[in-house]
């Protein structure tokens, strides 16, 4: 998951979202804050043709994020 001692943005988001979700589950309560993810945060793979706009929702959901913001 970690390459050469540095996280990618995607790895960081997945890790922190998972940690916050588990903290809420462990305490038996909802998380204090719900966050959204802006599509601009993955602009390089998006505009580089490595992914499609519709893949963004799957990536965010996989990281435990329920709200997303698209780029027009």
N, C-alpha and C. Protein backbone atom coordinates (compact mmCIF):
# COMPACT_ATOMS: atom_id res chain seq x y z
N UNK A 1 0.82 -1.19 0.00
CA UNK A 1 0.00 0.00 0.00
C UNK A 1 0.87 1.26 0.00
N UNK A 2 1.93 1.27 0.78
CA UNK A 2 2.81 2.44 0.84
C UNK A 2 4.02 2.17 -0.04
N UNK A 3 4.30 3.07 -0.95
CA UNK A 3 5.44 2.91 -1.83
C UNK A 3 6.49 3.98 -1.52
N UNK A 4 7.67 3.53 -1.21
CA UNK A 4 8.81 4.39 -0.93
C UNK A 4 8.53 5.39 0.20
N UNK A 5 7.77 4.98 1.19
CA UNK A 5 7.55 5.83 2.36
C UNK A 5 6.55 6.96 2.18
N UNK A 6 5.85 7.02 1.07
CA UNK A 6 4.90 8.12 0.86
C UNK A 6 3.54 7.55 0.45
N UNK A 7 2.49 8.17 0.97
CA UNK A 7 1.13 7.82 0.59
C UNK A 7 0.74 8.57 -0.68
N UNK A 8 -0.06 7.92 -1.51
CA UNK A 8 -0.71 8.66 -2.59
C UNK A 8 -1.96 9.27 -1.97
N UNK A 9 -2.56 10.21 -2.66
CA UNK A 9 -3.78 10.85 -2.15
C UNK A 9 -4.88 9.81 -1.95
N UNK A 10 -4.99 8.90 -2.89
CA UNK A 10 -6.03 7.87 -2.81
C UNK A 10 -5.81 6.96 -1.60
N UNK A 11 -4.55 6.57 -1.35
CA UNK A 11 -4.25 5.73 -0.20
C UNK A 11 -4.54 6.46 1.11
N UNK A 12 -4.18 7.74 1.15
CA UNK A 12 -4.43 8.54 2.35
C UNK A 12 -5.93 8.63 2.65
N UNK A 13 -6.73 8.93 1.61
CA UNK A 13 -8.17 9.06 1.80
C UNK A 13 -8.79 7.74 2.25
N UNK A 14 -8.36 6.65 1.62
CA UNK A 14 -8.91 5.34 1.99
C UNK A 14 -8.55 4.99 3.43
N UNK A 15 -7.32 5.26 3.81
CA UNK A 15 -6.85 4.94 5.16
C UNK A 15 -7.57 5.77 6.21
N UNK A 16 -7.64 7.09 6.01
CA UNK A 16 -8.26 7.95 7.00
C UNK A 16 -9.77 7.73 7.07
N UNK A 17 -10.41 7.52 5.94
CA UNK A 17 -11.85 7.26 5.95
C UNK A 17 -12.14 5.96 6.70
N UNK A 18 -11.33 4.95 6.46
CA UNK A 18 -11.50 3.69 7.15
C UNK A 18 -11.28 3.82 8.65
N UNK A 19 -10.26 4.59 9.03
CA UNK A 19 -9.97 4.79 10.46
C UNK A 19 -11.11 5.52 11.15
N UNK A 20 -11.63 6.56 10.53
CA UNK A 20 -12.74 7.30 11.14
C UNK A 20 -13.99 6.45 11.21
N UNK A 21 -14.24 5.67 10.19
CA UNK A 21 -15.41 4.80 10.20
C UNK A 21 -15.30 3.76 11.31
N UNK A 22 -14.13 3.17 11.45
CA UNK A 22 -13.94 2.17 12.49
C UNK A 22 -14.02 2.79 13.89
N UNK A 23 -13.55 4.00 14.04
CA UNK A 23 -13.64 4.68 15.34
C UNK A 23 -15.10 4.89 15.72
N UNK A 24 -15.93 5.27 14.75
CA UNK A 24 -17.35 5.45 15.02
C UNK A 24 -18.04 4.15 15.35
N UNK A 25 -17.68 3.08 14.66
CA UNK A 25 -18.27 1.77 14.92
C UNK A 25 -17.85 1.27 16.31
N UNK A 26 -16.57 1.45 16.63
CA UNK A 26 -16.05 0.97 17.91
C UNK A 26 -16.74 1.68 19.08
N UNK A 27 -17.10 2.93 18.90
CA UNK A 27 -17.75 3.68 19.97
C UNK A 27 -19.27 3.52 19.93
N UNK A 28 -19.77 2.87 18.89
CA UNK A 28 -21.20 2.64 18.78
C UNK A 28 -21.99 3.90 18.44
N UNK A 29 -21.37 4.85 17.76
CA UNK A 29 -22.07 6.07 17.40
C UNK A 29 -21.69 6.51 15.99
N UNK A 30 -22.46 7.44 15.48
CA UNK A 30 -22.19 7.98 14.15
C UNK A 30 -20.95 8.86 14.21
N UNK A 31 -20.22 8.98 13.08
CA UNK A 31 -19.06 9.87 13.07
C UNK A 31 -19.49 11.31 13.34
N UNK A 32 -18.61 12.09 13.94
CA UNK A 32 -18.91 13.47 14.27
C UNK A 32 -19.14 14.30 13.00
N UNK A 33 -18.32 14.05 11.98
CA UNK A 33 -18.44 14.79 10.72
C UNK A 33 -18.55 13.81 9.56
N UNK A 34 -19.30 14.20 8.57
CA UNK A 34 -19.33 13.47 7.31
C UNK A 34 -18.64 14.36 6.29
N UNK A 35 -17.76 13.76 5.49
CA UNK A 35 -17.02 14.55 4.53
C UNK A 35 -17.42 14.17 3.11
N UNK A 36 -17.13 15.08 2.19
CA UNK A 36 -17.35 14.80 0.78
C UNK A 36 -15.99 14.87 0.08
N UNK A 37 -15.94 14.30 -1.09
CA UNK A 37 -14.71 14.28 -1.88
C UNK A 37 -14.98 14.98 -3.20
N UNK A 38 -14.15 15.96 -3.53
CA UNK A 38 -14.29 16.69 -4.78
C UNK A 38 -13.57 15.93 -5.90
N UNK A 39 -14.19 15.88 -7.04
CA UNK A 39 -13.61 15.17 -8.18
C UNK A 39 -12.27 15.79 -8.59
N UNK A 40 -12.08 17.05 -8.29
CA UNK A 40 -10.84 17.72 -8.67
C UNK A 40 -9.64 17.07 -7.98
N UNK A 41 -9.85 16.41 -6.86
CA UNK A 41 -8.74 15.79 -6.13
C UNK A 41 -8.11 14.65 -6.92
N UNK A 42 -8.78 14.15 -7.93
CA UNK A 42 -8.22 13.10 -8.78
C UNK A 42 -8.15 13.57 -10.23
N UNK A 43 -7.85 14.85 -10.43
CA UNK A 43 -7.87 15.41 -11.78
C UNK A 43 -6.81 14.82 -12.70
N UNK A 44 -5.65 14.44 -12.20
CA UNK A 44 -4.60 13.91 -13.08
C UNK A 44 -5.01 12.60 -13.76
N UNK A 45 -5.46 11.59 -13.01
CA UNK A 45 -5.89 10.37 -13.70
C UNK A 45 -7.15 10.59 -14.55
N UNK A 46 -8.00 11.50 -14.11
CA UNK A 46 -9.23 11.77 -14.84
C UNK A 46 -8.94 12.39 -16.20
N UNK A 47 -8.19 13.48 -16.19
CA UNK A 47 -7.90 14.16 -17.44
C UNK A 47 -6.77 13.49 -18.23
N UNK A 48 -6.05 12.57 -17.59
CA UNK A 48 -5.03 11.79 -18.28
C UNK A 48 -5.61 10.58 -19.00
N UNK A 49 -6.93 10.38 -18.90
CA UNK A 49 -7.59 9.27 -19.59
C UNK A 49 -7.45 7.94 -18.87
N UNK A 50 -6.98 7.92 -17.62
CA UNK A 50 -6.81 6.67 -16.88
C UNK A 50 -8.10 6.23 -16.21
N UNK A 51 -9.07 7.13 -16.11
CA UNK A 51 -10.37 6.79 -15.51
C UNK A 51 -11.45 7.65 -16.12
N UNK A 52 -12.69 7.28 -15.91
CA UNK A 52 -13.83 8.01 -16.41
C UNK A 52 -14.53 8.73 -15.26
N UNK A 53 -15.34 9.74 -15.59
CA UNK A 53 -16.08 10.47 -14.56
C UNK A 53 -16.95 9.54 -13.72
N UNK A 54 -17.55 8.55 -14.34
CA UNK A 54 -18.45 7.64 -13.62
C UNK A 54 -17.71 6.73 -12.65
N UNK A 55 -16.39 6.56 -12.82
CA UNK A 55 -15.60 5.76 -11.88
C UNK A 55 -15.42 6.48 -10.55
N UNK A 56 -15.58 7.77 -10.54
CA UNK A 56 -15.33 8.57 -9.34
C UNK A 56 -16.22 8.15 -8.17
N UNK A 57 -17.48 7.90 -8.44
CA UNK A 57 -18.40 7.50 -7.37
C UNK A 57 -17.97 6.17 -6.76
N UNK A 58 -17.52 5.23 -7.59
CA UNK A 58 -17.07 3.93 -7.09
C UNK A 58 -15.83 4.09 -6.21
N UNK A 59 -14.91 4.94 -6.63
CA UNK A 59 -13.68 5.16 -5.86
C UNK A 59 -14.01 5.78 -4.51
N UNK A 60 -14.87 6.79 -4.50
CA UNK A 60 -15.23 7.46 -3.25
C UNK A 60 -15.96 6.50 -2.31
N UNK A 61 -16.89 5.73 -2.84
CA UNK A 61 -17.64 4.77 -2.01
C UNK A 61 -16.69 3.72 -1.43
N UNK A 62 -15.72 3.29 -2.23
CA UNK A 62 -14.74 2.31 -1.76
C UNK A 62 -13.87 2.84 -0.63
N UNK A 63 -13.73 4.17 -0.56
CA UNK A 63 -12.94 4.79 0.51
C UNK A 63 -13.82 5.16 1.70
N UNK A 64 -15.11 4.80 1.64
CA UNK A 64 -16.00 5.09 2.76
C UNK A 64 -16.59 6.48 2.74
N UNK A 65 -16.55 7.14 1.60
CA UNK A 65 -17.08 8.51 1.47
C UNK A 65 -18.40 8.43 0.72
N UNK A 66 -19.45 8.99 1.32
CA UNK A 66 -20.78 8.90 0.73
C UNK A 66 -21.19 10.09 -0.11
N UNK A 67 -20.52 11.23 0.05
CA UNK A 67 -20.88 12.45 -0.69
C UNK A 67 -19.74 12.82 -1.63
N UNK A 68 -20.09 13.16 -2.86
CA UNK A 68 -19.07 13.54 -3.85
C UNK A 68 -19.47 14.83 -4.54
N UNK A 69 -18.47 15.52 -5.09
CA UNK A 69 -18.68 16.77 -5.81
C UNK A 69 -18.01 16.62 -7.18
N UNK A 70 -18.82 16.70 -8.23
CA UNK A 70 -18.29 16.56 -9.58
C UNK A 70 -17.72 17.86 -10.12
N UNK A 71 -16.78 17.74 -11.07
CA UNK A 71 -16.21 18.87 -11.79
C UNK A 71 -16.89 18.95 -13.15
N UNK A 72 -17.27 20.15 -13.54
CA UNK A 72 -17.92 20.27 -14.85
C UNK A 72 -16.92 20.49 -15.95
